[in-house]
Amino acid sequence: DVANVRLVRSTSAVDRTAGRALLPYAAWCLFATALNLSLAR
């Protein structure tokens, strides 16, 4: 998730369209983190 934030920012700084295309990927990874945390608990 931390790496995704950096990737979205660095990509958006070069091309906003490419940066926006990464948002669904970053959002799904956040969901995966929540799911993983639930499994661990």
PDB file of all heavy atoms in Angstrom:
ATOM      1  N   ASP A   1       0.822  -1.203   0.000  1.00  0.00           N
ATOM      2  CA  ASP A   1       0.000   0.000   0.000  1.00  0.00           C
ATOM      3  C   ASP A   1       0.861   1.261   0.000  1.00  0.00           C
ATOM      4  O   ASP A   1       0.564   2.239  -0.696  1.00  0.00           O
ATOM      5  CB  ASP A   1      -0.927   0.007   1.216  1.00  0.00           C
ATOM      6  CG  ASP A   1      -2.018  -1.045   1.126  1.00  0.00           C
ATOM      7  OD1 ASP A   1      -2.409  -1.397  -0.006  1.00  0.00           O
ATOM      8  OD2 ASP A   1      -2.472  -1.518   2.181  1.00  0.00           O
ATOM      9  N   VAL A   2       1.925   1.243   0.795  1.00  0.00           N
ATOM     10  CA  VAL A   2       2.840   2.384   0.822  1.00  0.00           C
ATOM     11  C   VAL A   2       3.491   2.564  -0.551  1.00  0.00           C
ATOM     12  O   VAL A   2       3.601   3.688  -1.062  1.00  0.00           O
ATOM     13  CB  VAL A   2       3.919   2.192   1.908  1.00  0.00           C
ATOM     14  CG1 VAL A   2       4.978   3.292   1.826  1.00  0.00           C
ATOM     15  CG2 VAL A   2       3.283   2.176   3.296  1.00  0.00           C
ATOM     16  N   ALA A   3       3.911   1.446  -1.150  1.00  0.00           N
ATOM     17  CA  ALA A   3       4.530   1.510  -2.479  1.00  0.00           C
ATOM     18  C   ALA A   3       3.535   2.010  -3.519  1.00  0.00           C
ATOM     19  O   ALA A   3       3.907   2.726  -4.458  1.00  0.00           O
ATOM     20  CB  ALA A   3       5.062   0.135  -2.874  1.00  0.00           C
ATOM     21  N   ASN A   4       2.256   1.658  -3.359  1.00  0.00           N
ATOM     22  CA  ASN A   4       1.239   2.113  -4.304  1.00  0.00           C
ATOM     23  C   ASN A   4       1.070   3.630  -4.260  1.00  0.00           C
ATOM     24  O   ASN A   4       0.899   4.273  -5.303  1.00  0.00           O
ATOM     25  CB  ASN A   4      -0.102   1.439  -4.002  1.00  0.00           C
ATOM     26  CG  ASN A   4      -0.138  -0.010  -4.432  1.00  0.00           C
ATOM     27  OD1 ASN A   4       0.669  -0.449  -5.245  1.00  0.00           O
ATOM     28  ND2 ASN A   4      -1.070  -0.766  -3.884  1.00  0.00           N
ATOM     29  N   VAL A   5       1.103   4.187  -3.056  1.00  0.00           N
ATOM     30  CA  VAL A   5       0.990   5.645  -2.924  1.00  0.00           C
ATOM     31  C   VAL A   5       2.136   6.319  -3.663  1.00  0.00           C
ATOM     32  O   VAL A   5       1.942   7.292  -4.408  1.00  0.00           O
ATOM     33  CB  VAL A   5       0.977   6.051  -1.441  1.00  0.00           C
ATOM     34  CG1 VAL A   5       1.063   7.573  -1.310  1.00  0.00           C
ATOM     35  CG2 VAL A   5      -0.274   5.534  -0.751  1.00  0.00           C
ATOM     36  N   ARG A   6       3.330   5.796  -3.463  1.00  0.00           N
ATOM     37  CA  ARG A   6       4.489   6.370  -4.138  1.00  0.00           C
ATOM     38  C   ARG A   6       4.380   6.221  -5.650  1.00  0.00           C
ATOM     39  O   ARG A   6       4.703   7.152  -6.400  1.00  0.00           O
ATOM     40  CB  ARG A   6       5.761   5.686  -3.638  1.00  0.00           C
ATOM     41  CG  ARG A   6       7.031   6.208  -4.297  1.00  0.00           C
ATOM     42  CD  ARG A   6       8.239   5.452  -3.811  1.00  0.00           C
ATOM     43  NE  ARG A   6       9.452   5.901  -4.493  1.00  0.00           N
ATOM     44  CZ  ARG A   6      10.639   5.331  -4.355  1.00  0.00           C
ATOM     45  NH1 ARG A   6      10.779   4.286  -3.550  1.00  0.00           N
ATOM     46  NH2 ARG A   6      11.688   5.790  -5.002  1.00  0.00           N
ATOM     47  N   LEU A   7       3.902   5.059  -6.109  1.00  0.00           N
ATOM     48  CA  LEU A   7       3.790   4.827  -7.547  1.00  0.00           C
ATOM     49  C   LEU A   7       2.752   5.745  -8.183  1.00  0.00           C
ATOM     50  O   LEU A   7       2.980   6.305  -9.263  1.00  0.00           O
ATOM     51  CB  LEU A   7       3.431   3.364  -7.810  1.00  0.00           C
ATOM     52  CG  LEU A   7       3.262   2.952  -9.276  1.00  0.00           C
ATOM     53  CD1 LEU A   7       4.561   3.173 -10.054  1.00  0.00           C
ATOM     54  CD2 LEU A   7       2.822   1.493  -9.378  1.00  0.00           C
ATOM     55  N   VAL A   8       1.610   5.904  -7.527  1.00  0.00           N
ATOM     56  CA  VAL A   8       0.564   6.782  -8.064  1.00  0.00           C
ATOM     57  C   VAL A   8       1.074   8.218  -8.131  1.00  0.00           C
ATOM     58  O   VAL A   8       0.855   8.922  -9.124  1.00  0.00           O
ATOM     59  CB  VAL A   8      -0.708   6.692  -7.206  1.00  0.00           C
ATOM     60  CG1 VAL A   8      -1.711   7.767  -7.623  1.00  0.00           C
ATOM     61  CG2 VAL A   8      -1.349   5.307  -7.337  1.00  0.00           C
ATOM     62  N   ARG A   9       1.750   8.656  -7.097  1.00  0.00           N
ATOM     63  CA  ARG A   9       2.262  10.027  -7.083  1.00  0.00           C
ATOM     64  C   ARG A   9       3.311  10.254  -8.165  1.00  0.00           C
ATOM     65  O   ARG A   9       3.260  11.256  -8.900  1.00  0.00           O
ATOM     66  CB  ARG A   9       2.848  10.344  -5.709  1.00  0.00           C
ATOM     67  CG  ARG A   9       1.808  10.562  -4.617  1.00  0.00           C
ATOM     68  CD  ARG A   9       2.478  10.874  -3.293  1.00  0.00           C
ATOM     69  NE  ARG A   9       1.510  11.203  -2.259  1.00  0.00           N
ATOM     70  CZ  ARG A   9       1.814  11.446  -0.987  1.00  0.00           C
ATOM     71  NH1 ARG A   9       3.094  11.418  -0.609  1.00  0.00           N
ATOM     72  NH2 ARG A   9       0.882  11.748  -0.119  1.00  0.00           N
ATOM     73  N   SER A  10       4.260   9.339  -8.266  1.00  0.00           N
ATOM     74  CA  SER A  10       5.332   9.523  -9.244  1.00  0.00           C
ATOM     75  C   SER A  10       4.806   9.409 -10.667  1.00  0.00           C
ATOM     76  O   SER A  10       5.274  10.106 -11.570  1.00  0.00           O
ATOM     77  CB  SER A  10       6.452   8.501  -9.004  1.00  0.00           C
ATOM     78  OG  SER A  10       5.966   7.171  -9.074  1.00  0.00           O
ATOM     79  N   THR A  11       3.816   8.552 -10.880  1.00  0.00           N
ATOM     80  CA  THR A  11       3.227   8.420 -12.213  1.00  0.00           C
ATOM     81  C   THR A  11       2.392   9.641 -12.558  1.00  0.00           C
ATOM     82  O   THR A  11       2.457  10.156 -13.682  1.00  0.00           O
ATOM     83  CB  THR A  11       2.359   7.150 -12.300  1.00  0.00           C
ATOM     84  OG1 THR A  11       3.146   6.004 -11.949  1.00  0.00           O
ATOM     85  CG2 THR A  11       1.814   6.960 -13.709  1.00  0.00           C
ATOM     86  N   SER A  12       1.613  10.129 -11.605  1.00  0.00           N
ATOM     87  CA  SER A  12       0.774  11.300 -11.834  1.00  0.00           C
ATOM     88  C   SER A  12       1.602  12.543 -12.122  1.00  0.00           C
ATOM     89  O   SER A  12       1.158  13.433 -12.864  1.00  0.00           O
ATOM     90  CB  SER A  12      -0.132  11.550 -10.624  1.00  0.00           C
ATOM     91  OG  SER A  12      -1.012  10.469 -10.404  1.00  0.00           O
ATOM     92  N   ALA A  13       2.790  12.610 -11.527  1.00  0.00           N
ATOM     93  CA  ALA A  13       3.653  13.757 -11.765  1.00  0.00           C
ATOM     94  C   ALA A  13       4.113  13.816 -13.214  1.00  0.00           C
ATOM     95  O   ALA A  13       4.435  14.893 -13.738  1.00  0.00           O
ATOM     96  CB  ALA A  13       4.868  13.699 -10.837  1.00  0.00           C
ATOM     97  N   VAL A  14       4.131  12.660 -13.867  1.00  0.00           N
ATOM     98  CA  VAL A  14       4.540  12.589 -15.268  1.00  0.00           C
ATOM     99  C   VAL A  14       3.335  12.661 -16.206  1.00  0.00           C
ATOM    100  O   VAL A  14       3.353  13.358 -17.221  1.00  0.00           O
ATOM    101  CB  VAL A  14       5.328  11.286 -15.527  1.00  0.00           C
ATOM    102  CG1 VAL A  14       5.641  11.128 -17.006  1.00  0.00           C
ATOM    103  CG2 VAL A  14       6.608  11.278 -14.710  1.00  0.00           C
ATOM    104  N   ASP A  15       2.271  11.922 -15.843  1.00  0.00           N
ATOM    105  CA  ASP A  15       1.085  11.867 -16.694  1.00  0.00           C
ATOM    106  C   ASP A  15      -0.134  11.578 -15.814  1.00  0.00           C
ATOM    107  O   ASP A  15      -0.225  10.503 -15.211  1.00  0.00           O
ATOM    108  CB  ASP A  15       1.243  10.783 -17.758  1.00  0.00           C
ATOM    109  CG  ASP A  15       0.105  10.767 -18.752  1.00  0.00           C
ATOM    110  OD1 ASP A  15       0.193  11.473 -19.768  1.00  0.00           O
ATOM    111  OD2 ASP A  15      -0.872  10.043 -18.502  1.00  0.00           O
ATOM    112  N   ARG A  16      -1.053  12.526 -15.743  1.00  0.00           N
ATOM    113  CA  ARG A  16      -2.199  12.377 -14.855  1.00  0.00           C
ATOM    114  C   ARG A  16      -3.117  11.245 -15.291  1.00  0.00           C
ATOM    115  O   ARG A  16      -3.708  10.559 -14.454  1.00  0.00           O
ATOM    116  CB  ARG A  16      -2.981  13.689 -14.795  1.00  0.00           C
ATOM    117  CG  ARG A  16      -2.244  14.803 -14.070  1.00  0.00           C
ATOM    118  CD  ARG A  16      -3.123  16.039 -13.950  1.00  0.00           C
ATOM    119  NE  ARG A  16      -2.414  17.110 -13.248  1.00  0.00           N
ATOM    120  CZ  ARG A  16      -2.942  18.306 -13.004  1.00  0.00           C
ATOM    121  NH1 ARG A  16      -4.176  18.575 -13.422  1.00  0.00           N
ATOM    122  NH2 ARG A  16      -2.242  19.222 -12.358  1.00  0.00           N
ATOM    123  N   THR A  17      -3.255  11.024 -16.570  1.00  0.00           N
ATOM    124  CA  THR A  17      -4.107   9.934 -17.051  1.00  0.00           C
ATOM    125  C   THR A  17      -3.574   8.588 -16.582  1.00  0.00           C
ATOM    126  O   THR A  17      -4.333   7.728 -16.120  1.00  0.00           O
ATOM    127  CB  THR A  17      -4.188   9.958 -18.589  1.00  0.00           C
ATOM    128  OG1 THR A  17      -4.739  11.213 -19.010  1.00  0.00           O
ATOM    129  CG2 THR A  17      -5.058   8.821 -19.106  1.00  0.00           C
ATOM    130  N   ALA A  18      -2.277   8.394 -16.684  1.00  0.00           N
ATOM    131  CA  ALA A  18      -1.665   7.145 -16.214  1.00  0.00           C
ATOM    132  C   ALA A  18      -1.819   7.015 -14.711  1.00  0.00           C
ATOM    133  O   ALA A  18      -2.070   5.920 -14.195  1.00  0.00           O
ATOM    134  CB  ALA A  18      -0.189   7.111 -16.609  1.00  0.00           C
ATOM    135  N   GLY A  19      -1.670   8.123 -13.986  1.00  0.00           N
ATOM    136  CA  GLY A  19      -1.827   8.082 -12.535  1.00  0.00           C
ATOM    137  C   GLY A  19      -3.233   7.693 -12.130  1.00  0.00           C
ATOM    138  O   GLY A  19      -3.418   6.876 -11.210  1.00  0.00           O
ATOM    139  N   ARG A  20      -4.229   8.241 -12.812  1.00  0.00           N
ATOM    140  CA  ARG A  20      -5.621   7.885 -12.504  1.00  0.00           C
ATOM    141  C   ARG A  20      -5.912   6.426 -12.826  1.00  0.00           C
ATOM    142  O   ARG A  20      -6.731   5.782 -12.152  1.00  0.00           O
ATOM    143  CB  ARG A  20      -6.579   8.800 -13.269  1.00  0.00           C
ATOM    144  CG  ARG A  20      -6.658  10.218 -12.726  1.00  0.00           C
ATOM    145  CD  ARG A  20      -7.844  10.959 -13.321  1.00  0.00           C
ATOM    146  NE  ARG A  20      -7.678  11.180 -14.749  1.00  0.00           N
ATOM    147  CZ  ARG A  20      -7.152  12.272 -15.283  1.00  0.00           C
ATOM    148  NH1 ARG A  20      -6.721  13.244 -14.488  1.00  0.00           N
ATOM    149  NH2 ARG A  20      -7.058  12.409 -16.595  1.00  0.00           N
ATOM    150  N   ALA A  21      -5.264   5.888 -13.843  1.00  0.00           N
ATOM    151  CA  ALA A  21      -5.479   4.483 -14.215  1.00  0.00           C
ATOM    152  C   ALA A  21      -5.002   3.526 -13.122  1.00  0.00           C
ATOM    153  O   ALA A  21      -5.433   2.372 -13.091  1.00  0.00           O
ATOM    154  CB  ALA A  21      -4.762   4.179 -15.527  1.00  0.00           C
ATOM    155  N   LEU A  22      -4.130   3.999 -12.250  1.00  0.00           N
ATOM    156  CA  LEU A  22      -3.611   3.161 -11.168  1.00  0.00           C
ATOM    157  C   LEU A  22      -4.518   3.143  -9.940  1.00  0.00           C
ATOM    158  O   LEU A  22      -4.330   2.306  -9.048  1.00  0.00           O
ATOM    159  CB  LEU A  22      -2.219   3.647 -10.747  1.00  0.00           C
ATOM    160  CG  LEU A  22      -1.095   3.459 -11.761  1.00  0.00           C
ATOM    161  CD1 LEU A  22       0.172   4.175 -11.282  1.00  0.00           C
ATOM    162  CD2 LEU A  22      -0.813   1.976 -11.988  1.00  0.00           C
ATOM    163  N   LEU A  23      -5.478   4.044  -9.869  1.00  0.00           N
ATOM    164  CA  LEU A  23      -6.306   4.152  -8.664  1.00  0.00           C
ATOM    165  C   LEU A  23      -7.118   2.887  -8.360  1.00  0.00           C
ATOM    166  O   LEU A  23      -7.200   2.482  -7.197  1.00  0.00           O
ATOM    167  CB  LEU A  23      -7.224   5.375  -8.775  1.00  0.00           C
ATOM    168  CG  LEU A  23      -6.502   6.730  -8.761  1.00  0.00           C
ATOM    169  CD1 LEU A  23      -7.513   7.869  -8.904  1.00  0.00           C
ATOM    170  CD2 LEU A  23      -5.679   6.898  -7.491  1.00  0.00           C
ATOM    171  N   PRO A  24      -7.751   2.231  -9.359  1.00  0.00           N
ATOM    172  CA  PRO A  24      -8.457   0.975  -9.030  1.00  0.00           C
ATOM    173  C   PRO A  24      -7.521  -0.086  -8.456  1.00  0.00           C
ATOM    174  O   PRO A  24      -7.907  -0.834  -7.546  1.00  0.00           O
ATOM    175  CB  PRO A  24      -9.047   0.549 -10.379  1.00  0.00           C
ATOM    176  CG  PRO A  24      -9.172   1.815 -11.153  1.00  0.00           C
ATOM    177  CD  PRO A  24      -7.976   2.628 -10.762  1.00  0.00           C
ATOM    178  N   TYR A  25      -6.307  -0.172  -8.981  1.00  0.00           N
ATOM    179  CA  TYR A  25      -5.315  -1.125  -8.472  1.00  0.00           C
ATOM    180  C   TYR A  25      -4.983  -0.816  -7.017  1.00  0.00           C
ATOM    181  O   TYR A  25      -4.968  -1.710  -6.158  1.00  0.00           O
ATOM    182  CB  TYR A  25      -4.070  -1.055  -9.348  1.00  0.00           C
ATOM    183  CG  TYR A  25      -2.832  -1.725  -8.780  1.00  0.00           C
ATOM    184  CD1 TYR A  25      -2.747  -3.109  -8.691  1.00  0.00           C
ATOM    185  CD2 TYR A  25      -1.752  -0.960  -8.339  1.00  0.00           C
ATOM    186  CE1 TYR A  25      -1.606  -3.718  -8.173  1.00  0.00           C
ATOM    187  CE2 TYR A  25      -0.613  -1.562  -7.830  1.00  0.00           C
ATOM    188  CZ  TYR A  25      -0.545  -2.934  -7.746  1.00  0.00           C
ATOM    189  OH  TYR A  25       0.581  -3.538  -7.233  1.00  0.00           O
ATOM    190  N   ALA A  26      -4.732   0.461  -6.719  1.00  0.00           N
ATOM    191  CA  ALA A  26      -4.398   0.849  -5.344  1.00  0.00           C
ATOM    192  C   ALA A  26      -5.574   0.594  -4.404  1.00  0.00           C
ATOM    193  O   ALA A  26      -5.388   0.148  -3.266  1.00  0.00           O
ATOM    194  CB  ALA A  26      -3.985   2.318  -5.310  1.00  0.00           C
ATOM    195  N   ALA A  27      -6.798   0.861  -4.878  1.00  0.00           N
ATOM    196  CA  ALA A  27      -7.980   0.648  -4.053  1.00  0.00           C
ATOM    197  C   ALA A  27      -8.189  -0.834  -3.753  1.00  0.00           C
ATOM    198  O   ALA A  27      -8.526  -1.216  -2.620  1.00  0.00           O
ATOM    199  CB  ALA A  27      -9.213   1.227  -4.748  1.00  0.00           C
ATOM    200  N   TRP A  28      -7.987  -1.685  -4.752  1.00  0.00           N
ATOM    201  CA  TRP A  28      -8.147  -3.123  -4.538  1.00  0.00           C
ATOM    202  C   TRP A  28      -7.103  -3.641  -3.556  1.00  0.00           C
ATOM    203  O   TRP A  28      -7.393  -4.508  -2.728  1.00  0.00           O
ATOM    204  CB  TRP A  28      -8.061  -3.865  -5.857  1.00  0.00           C
ATOM    205  CG  TRP A  28      -8.078  -5.363  -5.706  1.00  0.00           C
ATOM    206  CD1 TRP A  28      -7.033  -6.219  -5.850  1.00  0.00           C
ATOM    207  CD2 TRP A  28      -9.209  -6.178  -5.343  1.00  0.00           C
ATOM    208  NE1 TRP A  28      -7.421  -7.514  -5.615  1.00  0.00           N
ATOM    209  CE2 TRP A  28      -8.763  -7.520  -5.293  1.00  0.00           C
ATOM    210  CE3 TRP A  28     -10.539  -5.883  -5.056  1.00  0.00           C
ATOM    211  CZ2 TRP A  28      -9.615  -8.560  -4.968  1.00  0.00           C
ATOM    212  CZ3 TRP A  28     -11.394  -6.944  -4.737  1.00  0.00           C
ATOM    213  CH2 TRP A  28     -10.919  -8.261  -4.698  1.00  0.00           C
ATOM    214  N   CYS A  29      -5.896  -3.127  -3.620  1.00  0.00           N
ATOM    215  CA  CYS A  29      -4.850  -3.546  -2.678  1.00  0.00           C
ATOM    216  C   CYS A  29      -5.210  -3.142  -1.252  1.00  0.00           C
ATOM    217  O   CYS A  29      -4.913  -3.873  -0.302  1.00  0.00           O
ATOM    218  CB  CYS A  29      -3.499  -2.954  -3.081  1.00  0.00           C
ATOM    219  SG  CYS A  29      -2.793  -3.691  -4.565  1.00  0.00           S
ATOM    220  N   LEU A  30      -5.848  -1.976  -1.087  1.00  0.00           N
ATOM    221  CA  LEU A  30      -6.315  -1.574   0.244  1.00  0.00           C
ATOM    222  C   LEU A  30      -7.385  -2.540   0.750  1.00  0.00           C
ATOM    223  O   LEU A  30      -7.394  -2.914   1.934  1.00  0.00           O
ATOM    224  CB  LEU A  30      -6.874  -0.152   0.200  1.00  0.00           C
ATOM    225  CG  LEU A  30      -5.852   0.978   0.127  1.00  0.00           C
ATOM    226  CD1 LEU A  30      -6.562   2.313  -0.093  1.00  0.00           C
ATOM    227  CD2 LEU A  30      -5.000   1.033   1.402  1.00  0.00           C
ATOM    228  N   PHE A  31      -8.277  -2.947  -0.142  1.00  0.00           N
ATOM    229  CA  PHE A  31      -9.279  -3.938   0.237  1.00  0.00           C
ATOM    230  C   PHE A  31      -8.608  -5.253   0.629  1.00  0.00           C
ATOM    231  O   PHE A  31      -9.003  -5.896   1.607  1.00  0.00           O
ATOM    232  CB  PHE A  31     -10.246  -4.165  -0.920  1.00  0.00           C
ATOM    233  CG  PHE A  31     -11.213  -5.301  -0.680  1.00  0.00           C
ATOM    234  CD1 PHE A  31     -12.321  -5.131   0.119  1.00  0.00           C
ATOM    235  CD2 PHE A  31     -10.989  -6.555  -1.255  1.00  0.00           C
ATOM    236  CE1 PHE A  31     -13.205  -6.177   0.349  1.00  0.00           C
ATOM    237  CE2 PHE A  31     -11.855  -7.607  -1.026  1.00  0.00           C
ATOM    238  CZ  PHE A  31     -12.976  -7.423  -0.222  1.00  0.00           C
ATOM    239  N   ALA A  32      -7.586  -5.653  -0.139  1.00  0.00           N
ATOM    240  CA  ALA A  32      -6.859  -6.892   0.171  1.00  0.00           C
ATOM    241  C   ALA A  32      -6.183  -6.795   1.531  1.00  0.00           C
ATOM    242  O   ALA A  32      -6.103  -7.786   2.268  1.00  0.00           O
ATOM    243  CB  ALA A  32      -5.824  -7.173  -0.920  1.00  0.00           C
ATOM    244  N   THR A  33      -5.695  -5.620   1.886  1.00  0.00           N
ATOM    245  CA  THR A  33      -5.080  -5.434   3.198  1.00  0.00           C
ATOM    246  C   THR A  33      -6.108  -5.626   4.302  1.00  0.00           C
ATOM    247  O   THR A  33      -5.838  -6.288   5.311  1.00  0.00           O
ATOM    248  CB  THR A  33      -4.453  -4.032   3.304  1.00  0.00           C
ATOM    249  OG1 THR A  33      -3.451  -3.883   2.286  1.00  0.00           O
ATOM    250  CG2 THR A  33      -3.810  -3.818   4.665  1.00  0.00           C
ATOM    251  N   ALA A  34      -7.295  -5.038   4.116  1.00  0.00           N
ATOM    252  CA  ALA A  34      -8.359  -5.192   5.105  1.00  0.00           C
ATOM    253  C   ALA A  34      -8.769  -6.659   5.238  1.00  0.00           C
ATOM    254  O   ALA A  34      -8.983  -7.164   6.350  1.00  0.00           O
ATOM    255  CB  ALA A  34      -9.557  -4.337   4.721  1.00  0.00           C
ATOM    256  N   LEU A  35      -8.860  -7.353   4.119  1.00  0.00           N
ATOM    257  CA  LEU A  35      -9.221  -8.768   4.139  1.00  0.00           C
ATOM    258  C   LEU A  35      -8.143  -9.587   4.827  1.00  0.00           C
ATOM    259  O   LEU A  35      -8.433 -10.465   5.649  1.00  0.00           O
ATOM    260  CB  LEU A  35      -9.428  -9.262   2.712  1.00  0.00           C
ATOM    261  CG  LEU A  35      -9.740 -10.752   2.533  1.00  0.00           C
ATOM    262  CD1 LEU A  35     -10.982 -11.140   3.312  1.00  0.00           C
ATOM    263  CD2 LEU A  35      -9.908 -11.086   1.050  1.00  0.00           C
ATOM    264  N   ASN A  36      -6.891  -9.309   4.499  1.00  0.00           N
ATOM    265  CA  ASN A  36      -5.774 -10.033   5.100  1.00  0.00           C
ATOM    266  C   ASN A  36      -5.739  -9.818   6.612  1.00  0.00           C
ATOM    267  O   ASN A  36      -5.500 -10.743   7.399  1.00  0.00           O
ATOM    268  CB  ASN A  36      -4.474  -9.567   4.457  1.00  0.00           C
ATOM    269  CG  ASN A  36      -3.317 -10.533   4.687  1.00  0.00           C
ATOM    270  OD1 ASN A  36      -2.379 -10.597   3.905  1.00  0.00           O
ATOM    271  ND2 ASN A  36      -3.352 -11.270   5.789  1.00  0.00           N
ATOM    272  N   LEU A  37      -5.980  -8.570   7.039  1.00  0.00           N
ATOM    273  CA  LEU A  37      -5.986  -8.261   8.468  1.00  0.00           C
ATOM    274  C   LEU A  37      -7.116  -8.995   9.178  1.00  0.00           C
ATOM    275  O   LEU A  37      -6.950  -9.510  10.290  1.00  0.00           O
ATOM    276  CB  LEU A  37      -6.119  -6.758   8.674  1.00  0.00           C
ATOM    277  CG  LEU A  37      -6.097  -6.265  10.125  1.00  0.00           C
ATOM    278  CD1 LEU A  37      -4.792  -6.657  10.809  1.00  0.00           C
ATOM    279  CD2 LEU A  37      -6.277  -4.750  10.175  1.00  0.00           C
ATOM    280  N   SER A  38      -8.272  -9.074   8.521  1.00  0.00           N
ATOM    281  CA  SER A  38      -9.386  -9.812   9.101  1.00  0.00           C
ATOM    282  C   SER A  38      -9.050 -11.291   9.253  1.00  0.00           C
ATOM    283  O   SER A  38      -9.349 -11.908  10.279  1.00  0.00           O
ATOM    284  CB  SER A  38     -10.631  -9.646   8.220  1.00  0.00           C
ATOM    285  OG  SER A  38     -11.722 -10.395   8.728  1.00  0.00           O
ATOM    286  N   LEU A  39      -8.404 -11.866   8.244  1.00  0.00           N
ATOM    287  CA  LEU A  39      -7.996 -13.271   8.326  1.00  0.00           C
ATOM    288  C   LEU A  39      -7.012 -13.494   9.466  1.00  0.00           C
ATOM    289  O   LEU A  39      -7.082 -14.500  10.185  1.00  0.00           O
ATOM    290  CB  LEU A  39      -7.377 -13.712   7.003  1.00  0.00           C
ATOM    291  CG  LEU A  39      -8.335 -13.896   5.826  1.00  0.00           C
ATOM    292  CD1 LEU A  39      -7.559 -14.081   4.531  1.00  0.00           C
ATOM    293  CD2 LEU A  39      -9.242 -15.103   6.071  1.00  0.00           C
ATOM    294  N   ALA A  40      -6.077 -12.569   9.644  1.00  0.00           N
ATOM    295  CA  ALA A  40      -5.087 -12.707  10.700  1.00  0.00           C
ATOM    296  C   ALA A  40      -5.744 -12.648  12.081  1.00  0.00           C
ATOM    297  O   ALA A  40      -5.397 -13.416  12.984  1.00  0.00           O
ATOM    298  CB  ALA A  40      -4.018 -11.620  10.573  1.00  0.00           C
ATOM    299  N   ARG A  41      -6.695 -11.753  12.238  1.00  0.00           N
ATOM    300  CA  ARG A  41      -7.372 -11.607  13.531  1.00  0.00           C
ATOM    301  C   ARG A  41      -8.304 -12.773  13.820  1.00  0.00           C
ATOM    302  O   ARG A  41      -8.448 -13.178  14.979  1.00  0.00           O
ATOM    303  CB  ARG A  41      -8.147 -10.303  13.559  1.00  0.00           C
ATOM    304  CG  ARG A  41      -7.249  -9.070  13.654  1.00  0.00           C
ATOM    305  CD  ARG A  41      -8.064  -7.795  13.600  1.00  0.00           C
ATOM    306  NE  ARG A  41      -7.243  -6.621  13.885  1.00  0.00           N
ATOM    307  CZ  ARG A  41      -7.679  -5.375  13.812  1.00  0.00           C
ATOM    308  NH1 ARG A  41      -8.942  -5.141  13.440  1.00  0.00           N
ATOM    309  NH2 ARG A  41      -6.873  -4.369  14.089  1.00  0.00           N
TER     310      ARG A  41
END
